[in-house]
Amino acid sequence: MLGLTQEDRQTIGQDIMAVEFGWPCGEPLCKSLSGYPGLWEVRSNIKSGIARVFFYIDNSEMILLHGLVKKTQRSGPRKLDSTISAFPGYAASLAAG
């Protein structure tokens, strides 16, 4: 995400803020990821494509996991699995309910 323009980073930040302070919210700004309970994505339309920032909610806090600019129609499950495994807090939040 550091390679994005300031304008694109600002758009993504504004979208994250809209989700954080407007939670719960839905499409087109925010969508849950099927197959990953409690995992969501913020969707931002930027000049270089569509940016996605994956997050979950833990004790009323929005925990950002990973961001990317989509170049294909779907996010690969392997990419999501590796992202999730890097953040044990996500699994712990699932166990806590």
Foldseek 3Di string as FASTA:
>chain_A
DVPDDPVQVVQVVVLVVCVLVVPPDDPPQKHADPPQPQKMWGWGQDPVAIKIWIWGAAPSDTGTQDMDHDPDPDDDPVVVVVSVVVDVVSVVRVVVD
